[in-house]
Amino acid sequence: MELLFLGLALGTIASYFIFKKFTAVQKKSLTEKQSVVLLDKIKKVSKLITVEGEFAEIYHHENTQEKFLGLISSRKKAIIIINAKTHIGFDFRKIKMTSNTKNKTIVLSDFPKPEVLSIEPNIRFYDIQNGLLNKFNSEDLTQVNKEAKEHILQKIPESNLMQTANQEALEAILLMQNLVETIGWKLDYSALELPPSEQKLIE
């Protein structure tokens, strides 16, 4: 009889430890799965626009072609009015993140610099002057669009769009924090070096 009770007691204890171990393995698997889902969810945000800028520029386009072995040159030119909209923001795919499954924390170790995400030029030709043997055609529109984008791209550093976008970095981080907190995790971005204005907001 005593052996029976002893066997039942040992069986109960063994079952308890097996159940506990099985539950711990399941919990760890679920936590690791949550971690992967979180990282994927943040990266799926992809590109986040934080600043929109508008440019109004006057651009001079000129093209000279030589004909008949360089004996005759023909020039065409036009004044082009460029109204362009630019979007500055962050590419979330470049973010460096690691997960700490033990305390359910996503650690943000590096945040990308702001970059130009898109340029949308609206072009109007003004004062078009065709050459005798060199006239504007449909292919010129493609070339002018390309030149217009490059022209606006060169103007962006002269503006304060990049600085403004950099100041908006904290809002992007707070968006990530909200995503992480939806399933009970925390976002640790203490390793990031933020501009003074942003550090004051955090404090």
C-alpha atoms as a PDB file:
ATOM      1  CA  MET A   1       0.000   0.000   0.000  1.00  0.00           C
ATOM      2  CA  GLU A   2       2.792   2.366   0.930  1.00  0.00           C
ATOM      3  CA  LEU A   3       4.468   1.617  -2.411  1.00  0.00           C
ATOM      4  CA  LEU A   4       1.218   2.558  -4.175  1.00  0.00           C
ATOM      5  CA  PHE A   5       1.035   5.941  -2.422  1.00  0.00           C
ATOM      6  CA  LEU A   6       4.731   6.500  -3.037  1.00  0.00           C
ATOM      7  CA  GLY A   7       4.273   5.709  -6.744  1.00  0.00           C
ATOM      8  CA  LEU A   8       1.295   8.088  -7.003  1.00  0.00           C
ATOM      9  CA  ALA A   9       3.253  10.869  -5.268  1.00  0.00           C
ATOM     10  CA  LEU A  10       6.266  10.411  -7.522  1.00  0.00           C
ATOM     11  CA  GLY A  11       3.994  10.310 -10.578  1.00  0.00           C
ATOM     12  CA  THR A  12       2.275  13.547  -9.539  1.00  0.00           C
ATOM     13  CA  ILE A  13       5.599  15.310  -8.981  1.00  0.00           C
ATOM     14  CA  ALA A  14       6.952  14.078 -12.327  1.00  0.00           C
ATOM     15  CA  SER A  15       3.757  15.183 -14.114  1.00  0.00           C
ATOM     16  CA  TYR A  16       4.025  18.639 -12.521  1.00  0.00           C
ATOM     17  CA  PHE A  17       7.604  19.163 -13.722  1.00  0.00           C
ATOM     18  CA  ILE A  18       6.793  17.828 -17.212  1.00  0.00           C
ATOM     19  CA  PHE A  19       3.769  20.156 -17.444  1.00  0.00           C
ATOM     20  CA  LYS A  20       5.806  23.105 -16.190  1.00  0.00           C
ATOM     21  CA  LYS A  21       8.582  22.448 -18.686  1.00  0.00           C
ATOM     22  CA  PHE A  22       6.108  22.024 -21.547  1.00  0.00           C
ATOM     23  CA  THR A  23       4.344  25.295 -20.601  1.00  0.00           C
ATOM     24  CA  ALA A  24       7.670  27.154 -20.420  1.00  0.00           C
ATOM     25  CA  VAL A  25       8.649  25.890 -23.891  1.00  0.00           C
ATOM     26  CA  GLN A  26       5.276  27.000 -25.272  1.00  0.00           C
ATOM     27  CA  LYS A  27       5.584  30.410 -23.624  1.00  0.00           C
ATOM     28  CA  LYS A  28       9.104  30.897 -24.995  1.00  0.00           C
ATOM     29  CA  SER A  29       7.943  29.897 -28.477  1.00  0.00           C
ATOM     30  CA  LEU A  30       5.037  32.342 -28.285  1.00  0.00           C
ATOM     31  CA  THR A  31       7.313  35.158 -27.056  1.00  0.00           C
ATOM     32  CA  GLU A  32       9.819  34.559 -29.839  1.00  0.00           C
ATOM     33  CA  LYS A  33       6.974  34.525 -32.355  1.00  0.00           C
ATOM     34  CA  GLN A  34       5.701  37.830 -30.954  1.00  0.00           C
ATOM     35  CA  SER A  35       9.187  39.264 -31.358  1.00  0.00           C
ATOM     36  CA  VAL A  36       9.394  38.296 -35.033  1.00  0.00           C
ATOM     37  CA  VAL A  37       5.873  39.600 -35.684  1.00  0.00           C
ATOM     38  CA  LEU A  38       6.735  42.935 -34.044  1.00  0.00           C
ATOM     39  CA  LEU A  39       9.918  43.418 -36.054  1.00  0.00           C
ATOM     40  CA  ASP A  40       8.086  42.560 -39.271  1.00  0.00           C
ATOM     41  CA  LYS A  41       5.201  44.842 -38.350  1.00  0.00           C
ATOM     42  CA  ILE A  42       7.500  47.820 -37.815  1.00  0.00           C
ATOM     43  CA  LYS A  43       9.406  47.215 -41.042  1.00  0.00           C
ATOM     44  CA  LYS A  44       6.126  46.889 -42.962  1.00  0.00           C
ATOM     45  CA  VAL A  45       5.478  50.548 -42.167  1.00  0.00           C
ATOM     46  CA  SER A  46       8.288  50.935 -44.715  1.00  0.00           C
ATOM     47  CA  LYS A  47       8.700  54.616 -45.562  1.00  0.00           C
ATOM     48  CA  LEU A  48       7.315  57.274 -43.252  1.00  0.00           C
ATOM     49  CA  ILE A  49       6.884  60.828 -44.588  1.00  0.00           C
ATOM     50  CA  THR A  50       7.405  63.449 -41.880  1.00  0.00           C
ATOM     51  CA  VAL A  51       7.962  66.647 -43.901  1.00  0.00           C
ATOM     52  CA  GLU A  52       6.473  67.953 -47.141  1.00  0.00           C
ATOM     53  CA  GLY A  53       8.094  70.806 -49.022  1.00  0.00           C
ATOM     54  CA  GLU A  54       7.068  72.840 -52.046  1.00  0.00           C
ATOM     55  CA  PHE A  55       9.403  74.499 -54.533  1.00  0.00           C
ATOM     56  CA  ALA A  56       8.733  77.066 -57.242  1.00  0.00           C
ATOM     57  CA  GLU A  57      11.700  77.425 -59.558  1.00  0.00           C
ATOM     58  CA  ILE A  58      12.479  78.936 -62.961  1.00  0.00           C
ATOM     59  CA  TYR A  59      14.770  76.691 -64.970  1.00  0.00           C
ATOM     60  CA  HIS A  60      16.488  77.483 -68.260  1.00  0.00           C
ATOM     61  CA  HIS A  61      16.747  74.521 -70.641  1.00  0.00           C
ATOM     62  CA  GLU A  62      19.029  74.797 -73.637  1.00  0.00           C
ATOM     63  CA  ASN A  63      20.202  72.285 -76.217  1.00  0.00           C
ATOM     64  CA  THR A  64      22.562  72.786 -79.153  1.00  0.00           C
ATOM     65  CA  GLN A  65      23.053  70.275 -81.946  1.00  0.00           C
ATOM     66  CA  GLU A  66      25.695  70.389 -84.647  1.00  0.00           C
ATOM     67  CA  LYS A  67      24.700  69.451 -88.185  1.00  0.00           C
ATOM     68  CA  PHE A  68      26.602  68.757 -91.391  1.00  0.00           C
ATOM     69  CA  LEU A  69      29.883  67.745 -89.745  1.00  0.00           C
ATOM     70  CA  GLY A  70      29.752  70.652 -87.333  1.00  0.00           C
ATOM     71  CA  LEU A  71      29.437  73.303 -90.025  1.00  0.00           C
ATOM     72  CA  ILE A  72      26.014  74.376 -88.770  1.00  0.00           C
ATOM     73  CA  SER A  73      24.774  74.453 -85.195  1.00  0.00           C
ATOM     74  CA  SER A  74      21.135  74.732 -84.220  1.00  0.00           C
ATOM     75  CA  ARG A  75      19.988  75.701 -80.742  1.00  0.00           C
ATOM     76  CA  LYS A  76      16.657  75.322 -79.005  1.00  0.00           C
ATOM     77  CA  LYS A  77      15.854  76.748 -75.603  1.00  0.00           C
ATOM     78  CA  ALA A  78      12.991  77.339 -73.236  1.00  0.00           C
ATOM     79  CA  ILE A  79      12.244  78.827 -69.870  1.00  0.00           C
ATOM     80  CA  ILE A  80      10.617  76.206 -67.669  1.00  0.00           C
ATOM     81  CA  ILE A  81       8.557  76.914 -64.558  1.00  0.00           C
ATOM     82  CA  ILE A  82       8.860  74.083 -62.045  1.00  0.00           C
ATOM     83  CA  ASN A  83       6.362  73.680 -59.217  1.00  0.00           C
ATOM     84  CA  ALA A  84       7.512  70.645 -57.270  1.00  0.00           C
ATOM     85  CA  LYS A  85       6.351  68.846 -54.155  1.00  0.00           C
ATOM     86  CA  THR A  86       8.944  66.890 -52.184  1.00  0.00           C
ATOM     87  CA  HIS A  87       8.499  64.376 -49.386  1.00  0.00           C
ATOM     88  CA  ILE A  88      11.194  63.874 -46.753  1.00  0.00           C
ATOM     89  CA  GLY A  89      11.096  61.067 -44.228  1.00  0.00           C
ATOM     90  CA  PHE A  90      12.540  57.792 -43.007  1.00  0.00           C
ATOM     91  CA  ASP A  91      12.939  54.322 -44.480  1.00  0.00           C
ATOM     92  CA  PHE A  92      11.980  51.923 -41.675  1.00  0.00           C
ATOM     93  CA  ARG A  93      13.648  49.028 -43.500  1.00  0.00           C
ATOM     94  CA  LYS A  94      17.018  50.552 -42.554  1.00  0.00           C
ATOM     95  CA  ILE A  95      16.270  50.521 -38.809  1.00  0.00           C
ATOM     96  CA  LYS A  96      18.510  48.320 -36.670  1.00  0.00           C
ATOM     97  CA  MET A  97      16.476  46.447 -34.041  1.00  0.00           C
ATOM     98  CA  THR A  98      16.970  43.481 -31.776  1.00  0.00           C
ATOM     99  CA  SER A  99      14.540  41.789 -29.429  1.00  0.00           C
ATOM    100  CA  ASN A 100      14.969  40.785 -25.784  1.00  0.00           C
ATOM    101  CA  THR A 101      12.392  38.046 -25.290  1.00  0.00           C
ATOM    102  CA  LYS A 102      13.173  37.723 -21.592  1.00  0.00           C
ATOM    103  CA  ASN A 103      11.755  41.137 -20.664  1.00  0.00           C
ATOM    104  CA  LYS A 104       9.691  41.614 -23.852  1.00  0.00           C
ATOM    105  CA  THR A 105      11.650  44.586 -25.126  1.00  0.00           C
ATOM    106  CA  ILE A 106      12.516  45.726 -28.654  1.00  0.00           C
ATOM    107  CA  VAL A 107      15.902  47.477 -28.568  1.00  0.00           C
ATOM    108  CA  LEU A 108      16.397  50.230 -31.135  1.00  0.00           C
ATOM    109  CA  SER A 109      20.141  50.666 -31.658  1.00  0.00           C
ATOM    110  CA  ASP A 110      20.226  52.763 -34.842  1.00  0.00           C
ATOM    111  CA  PHE A 111      17.755  55.060 -36.586  1.00  0.00           C
ATOM    112  CA  PRO A 112      18.145  56.034 -40.258  1.00  0.00           C
ATOM    113  CA  LYS A 113      18.893  59.564 -41.406  1.00  0.00           C
ATOM    114  CA  PRO A 114      16.102  61.496 -43.151  1.00  0.00           C
ATOM    115  CA  GLU A 115      16.101  61.167 -46.914  1.00  0.00           C
ATOM    116  CA  VAL A 116      14.204  62.358 -49.976  1.00  0.00           C
ATOM    117  CA  LEU A 117      11.408  59.839 -50.518  1.00  0.00           C
ATOM    118  CA  SER A 118       9.823  61.441 -53.572  1.00  0.00           C
ATOM    119  CA  ILE A 119       9.876  64.468 -55.871  1.00  0.00           C
ATOM    120  CA  GLU A 120       6.755  65.322 -57.865  1.00  0.00           C
ATOM    121  CA  PRO A 121       7.490  68.089 -60.383  1.00  0.00           C
ATOM    122  CA  ASN A 122       4.812  69.950 -62.299  1.00  0.00           C
ATOM    123  CA  ILE A 123       6.434  71.504 -65.379  1.00  0.00           C
ATOM    124  CA  ARG A 124       5.223  74.315 -67.637  1.00  0.00           C
ATOM    125  CA  PHE A 125       7.138  75.453 -70.724  1.00  0.00           C
ATOM    126  CA  TYR A 126       7.445  79.176 -71.291  1.00  0.00           C
ATOM    127  CA  ASP A 127       9.122  81.165 -74.048  1.00  0.00           C
ATOM    128  CA  ILE A 128       9.952  78.159 -76.234  1.00  0.00           C
ATOM    129  CA  GLN A 129      12.459  78.918 -79.011  1.00  0.00           C
ATOM    130  CA  ASN A 130      13.031  76.186 -81.572  1.00  0.00           C
ATOM    131  CA  GLY A 131      16.134  76.060 -83.702  1.00  0.00           C
ATOM    132  CA  LEU A 132      15.842  75.788 -87.463  1.00  0.00           C
ATOM    133  CA  LEU A 133      17.141  72.193 -87.407  1.00  0.00           C
ATOM    134  CA  ASN A 134      16.643  71.449 -83.723  1.00  0.00           C
ATOM    135  CA  LYS A 135      13.064  71.453 -82.458  1.00  0.00           C
ATOM    136  CA  PHE A 136      11.399  70.295 -79.243  1.00  0.00           C
ATOM    137  CA  ASN A 137       9.779  66.840 -79.441  1.00  0.00           C
ATOM    138  CA  SER A 138       8.156  64.294 -77.109  1.00  0.00           C
ATOM    139  CA  GLU A 139      11.522  62.919 -75.983  1.00  0.00           C
ATOM    140  CA  ASP A 140      12.492  66.348 -74.653  1.00  0.00           C
ATOM    141  CA  LEU A 141       9.696  66.185 -72.063  1.00  0.00           C
ATOM    142  CA  THR A 142      11.249  63.065 -70.521  1.00  0.00           C
ATOM    143  CA  GLN A 143      14.668  64.715 -70.449  1.00  0.00           C
ATOM    144  CA  VAL A 144      13.297  67.949 -68.981  1.00  0.00           C
ATOM    145  CA  ASN A 145      11.434  66.013 -66.251  1.00  0.00           C
ATOM    146  CA  LYS A 146      14.696  64.306 -65.332  1.00  0.00           C
ATOM    147  CA  GLU A 147      16.577  67.602 -65.254  1.00  0.00           C
ATOM    148  CA  ALA A 148      13.810  69.215 -63.188  1.00  0.00           C
ATOM    149  CA  LYS A 149      14.032  66.510 -60.525  1.00  0.00           C
ATOM    150  CA  GLU A 150      17.815  66.850 -60.381  1.00  0.00           C
ATOM    151  CA  HIS A 151      17.467  70.639 -60.134  1.00  0.00           C
ATOM    152  CA  ILE A 152      15.043  70.361 -57.179  1.00  0.00           C
ATOM    153  CA  LEU A 153      17.225  67.699 -55.550  1.00  0.00           C
ATOM    154  CA  GLN A 154      20.132  70.152 -55.566  1.00  0.00           C
ATOM    155  CA  LYS A 155      17.937  72.818 -53.941  1.00  0.00           C
ATOM    156  CA  ILE A 156      16.853  70.638 -50.994  1.00  0.00           C
ATOM    157  CA  PRO A 157      20.124  70.970 -48.990  1.00  0.00           C
ATOM    158  CA  GLU A 158      19.755  74.757 -49.199  1.00  0.00           C
ATOM    159  CA  SER A 159      16.347  74.541 -47.532  1.00  0.00           C
ATOM    160  CA  ASN A 160      15.715  73.449 -43.937  1.00  0.00           C
ATOM    161  CA  LEU A 161      13.686  70.369 -44.903  1.00  0.00           C
ATOM    162  CA  MET A 162      16.310  67.850 -43.799  1.00  0.00           C
ATOM    163  CA  GLN A 163      16.782  69.587 -40.435  1.00  0.00           C
ATOM    164  CA  THR A 164      13.016  69.703 -39.914  1.00  0.00           C
ATOM    165  CA  ALA A 165      12.673  66.024 -40.792  1.00  0.00           C
ATOM    166  CA  ASN A 166      15.460  65.174 -38.362  1.00  0.00           C
ATOM    167  CA  GLN A 167      13.585  67.022 -35.623  1.00  0.00           C
ATOM    168  CA  GLU A 168      10.528  64.909 -36.417  1.00  0.00           C
ATOM    169  CA  ALA A 169      12.477  61.690 -35.742  1.00  0.00           C
ATOM    170  CA  LEU A 170      11.001  61.410 -32.257  1.00  0.00           C
ATOM    171  CA  GLU A 171       7.465  61.301 -33.659  1.00  0.00           C
ATOM    172  CA  ALA A 172       8.519  58.389 -35.864  1.00  0.00           C
ATOM    173  CA  ILE A 173       9.980  56.613 -32.836  1.00  0.00           C
ATOM    174  CA  LEU A 174       6.804  57.228 -30.822  1.00  0.00           C
ATOM    175  CA  LEU A 175       4.811  55.671 -33.663  1.00  0.00           C
ATOM    176  CA  MET A 176       6.992  52.568 -33.372  1.00  0.00           C
ATOM    177  CA  GLN A 177       6.508  52.615 -29.603  1.00  0.00           C
ATOM    178  CA  ASN A 178       2.725  52.575 -30.038  1.00  0.00           C
ATOM    179  CA  LEU A 179       2.992  49.604 -32.385  1.00  0.00           C
ATOM    180  CA  VAL A 180       5.145  47.712 -29.894  1.00  0.00           C
ATOM    181  CA  GLU A 181       2.867  48.457 -26.934  1.00  0.00           C
ATOM    182  CA  THR A 182      -0.197  47.064 -28.704  1.00  0.00           C
ATOM    183  CA  ILE A 183       0.821  43.542 -27.645  1.00  0.00           C
ATOM    184  CA  GLY A 184       2.377  44.403 -24.297  1.00  0.00           C
ATOM    185  CA  TRP A 185       6.013  44.897 -25.297  1.00  0.00           C
ATOM    186  CA  LYS A 186       8.312  47.876 -24.656  1.00  0.00           C
ATOM    187  CA  LEU A 187      10.538  49.879 -26.978  1.00  0.00           C
ATOM    188  CA  ASP A 188      14.002  50.776 -25.701  1.00  0.00           C
ATOM    189  CA  TYR A 189      15.581  53.637 -27.688  1.00  0.00           C
ATOM    190  CA  SER A 190      17.916  54.885 -24.955  1.00  0.00           C
ATOM    191  CA  ALA A 191      20.962  54.045 -27.128  1.00  0.00           C
ATOM    192  CA  LEU A 192      19.968  56.612 -29.770  1.00  0.00           C
ATOM    193  CA  GLU A 193      21.611  60.020 -29.945  1.00  0.00           C
ATOM    194  CA  LEU A 194      18.832  62.530 -30.518  1.00  0.00           C
ATOM    195  CA  PRO A 195      19.105  66.294 -31.123  1.00  0.00           C
ATOM    196  CA  PRO A 196      18.817  68.463 -27.945  1.00  0.00           C
ATOM    197  CA  SER A 197      15.273  69.583 -28.790  1.00  0.00           C
ATOM    198  CA  GLU A 198      14.110  65.960 -28.939  1.00  0.00           C
ATOM    199  CA  GLN A 199      15.885  64.979 -25.729  1.00  0.00           C
ATOM    200  CA  LYS A 200      13.970  67.698 -23.890  1.00  0.00           C
ATOM    201  CA  LEU A 201      10.705  66.249 -25.168  1.00  0.00           C
ATOM    202  CA  ILE A 202      11.654  62.793 -23.868  1.00  0.00           C
ATOM    203  CA  GLU A 203      12.597  64.133 -20.444  1.00  0.00           C
END
